[in-house]
Protein backbone atom coordinates (compact mmCIF):
# COMPACT_ATOMS: atom_id res chain seq x y z
CA MET A 1 -68.19 -28.51 8.23
CA GLU A 2 -71.42 -26.65 8.97
CA THR A 3 -71.12 -22.97 8.12
CA GLN A 4 -74.75 -21.86 7.98
CA PRO A 5 -75.83 -19.05 10.32
CA ASP A 6 -77.54 -20.15 13.51
CA SER A 7 -81.28 -20.27 12.84
CA ASN A 8 -82.21 -18.91 16.27
CA LEU A 9 -80.30 -15.66 15.77
CA THR A 10 -82.57 -12.83 14.72
CA ASP A 11 -82.46 -9.06 14.53
CA SER A 12 -84.29 -9.01 17.88
CA ASN A 13 -81.10 -10.38 19.46
CA LEU A 14 -79.12 -7.30 18.51
CA THR A 15 -78.14 -5.12 21.45
CA ASP A 16 -77.91 -1.35 21.46
CA SER A 17 -74.22 -1.61 20.62
CA ASN A 18 -75.11 -3.70 17.53
CA LEU A 19 -73.55 -6.85 18.99
CA THR A 20 -75.31 -10.15 18.57
CA GLU A 21 -76.01 -12.19 21.66
CA ILE A 22 -74.57 -15.65 21.90
CA PRO A 23 -77.27 -18.26 21.18
CA SER A 24 -78.86 -19.33 24.45
CA GLY A 25 -79.44 -22.94 25.36
CA GLU A 26 -76.60 -24.11 23.16
CA THR A 27 -73.00 -24.98 23.79
CA TRP A 28 -71.16 -22.05 22.24
CA ASN A 29 -67.41 -21.99 21.86
CA TYR A 30 -65.32 -18.98 20.88
CA GLU A 31 -62.58 -21.00 19.20
CA ALA A 32 -65.07 -23.11 17.24
CA THR A 33 -66.86 -19.99 16.05
CA VAL A 34 -63.59 -18.40 14.92
CA ALA A 35 -62.79 -21.65 13.09
CA LYS A 36 -66.12 -21.38 11.25
CA VAL A 37 -65.21 -17.85 10.14
CA GLU A 38 -61.78 -19.02 9.00
CA THR A 39 -63.36 -21.85 7.00
CA ILE A 40 -65.75 -19.46 5.30
CA ILE A 41 -62.91 -17.07 4.46
CA ARG A 42 -60.87 -19.93 3.00
CA GLN A 43 -63.83 -21.11 0.91
CA ILE A 44 -64.41 -17.60 -0.43
CA GLU A 45 -60.73 -16.97 -1.15
CA THR A 46 -60.23 -20.27 -2.97
CA GLY A 47 -63.36 -19.90 -5.08
CA GLU A 48 -64.99 -23.06 -3.68
CA LEU A 49 -68.40 -21.40 -3.49
CA ALA A 50 -70.92 -20.35 -6.10
CA LEU A 51 -71.51 -16.60 -6.16
CA ALA A 52 -74.88 -16.86 -4.41
CA ASP A 53 -73.28 -18.97 -1.69
CA VAL A 54 -70.52 -16.39 -1.24
CA PHE A 55 -73.07 -13.82 -0.12
CA ASP A 56 -74.81 -16.27 2.21
CA GLN A 57 -71.56 -17.44 3.75
CA PHE A 58 -70.22 -13.91 4.07
CA SER A 59 -73.39 -12.99 5.95
CA ALA A 60 -72.92 -16.03 8.21
CA ALA A 61 -69.30 -15.04 8.88
CA VAL A 62 -70.36 -11.53 9.87
CA GLU A 63 -72.94 -13.00 12.26
CA TYR A 64 -70.30 -15.28 13.79
CA LEU A 65 -67.96 -12.31 14.22
CA HIS A 66 -70.72 -10.39 16.00
CA GLU A 67 -71.14 -13.35 18.36
CA CYS A 68 -67.39 -13.33 19.06
CA GLU A 69 -67.38 -9.59 19.64
CA TYR A 70 -70.29 -9.90 22.07
CA PHE A 71 -68.54 -12.73 23.93
CA LEU A 72 -65.31 -10.73 24.25
CA ASP A 73 -67.20 -7.62 25.35
CA GLN A 74 -69.02 -9.59 28.07
CA ARG A 75 -65.77 -11.14 29.31
CA GLN A 76 -64.08 -7.73 29.36
CA GLN A 77 -66.90 -6.37 31.51
CA GLN A 78 -66.50 -9.34 33.88
CA MET A 79 -62.76 -8.72 34.12
CA ASP A 80 -63.30 -5.02 34.79
CA LEU A 81 -65.74 -5.86 37.58
CA LEU A 82 -63.32 -8.36 39.13
CA ILE A 83 -60.49 -5.82 39.00
CA GLU A 84 -62.75 -3.20 40.56
CA THR A 85 -63.69 -5.67 43.30
CA LEU A 86 -60.01 -6.36 43.98
CA SER A 87 -59.30 -2.64 44.18
CA ASP A 88 -62.20 -2.15 46.61
CA ASP A 89 -61.03 -5.07 48.78
CA SER A 90 -57.52 -3.65 49.08
CA ASP A 91 -58.90 -0.46 50.65
CA PHE A 92 -59.72 -2.35 53.86
């Protein structure tokens, strides 16, 4: 299973809230990204990785978690907007 960080993610993709944007132009999936993090954690916990690889994979896991956090933040904003729209519509 591929667990390397996405090569098109750079520091320039960090937002003011320190969340990483989801890679554009790619099919991104929340569940698949969480599975990557879980795989990395399992590999670290079971000692499957050389020490140098532990640091690289840990860094990749953090990047994946930032992607997930960004995704959830964006969806929360969408939900808030929809709820606000529903509230505004009920005033009529």
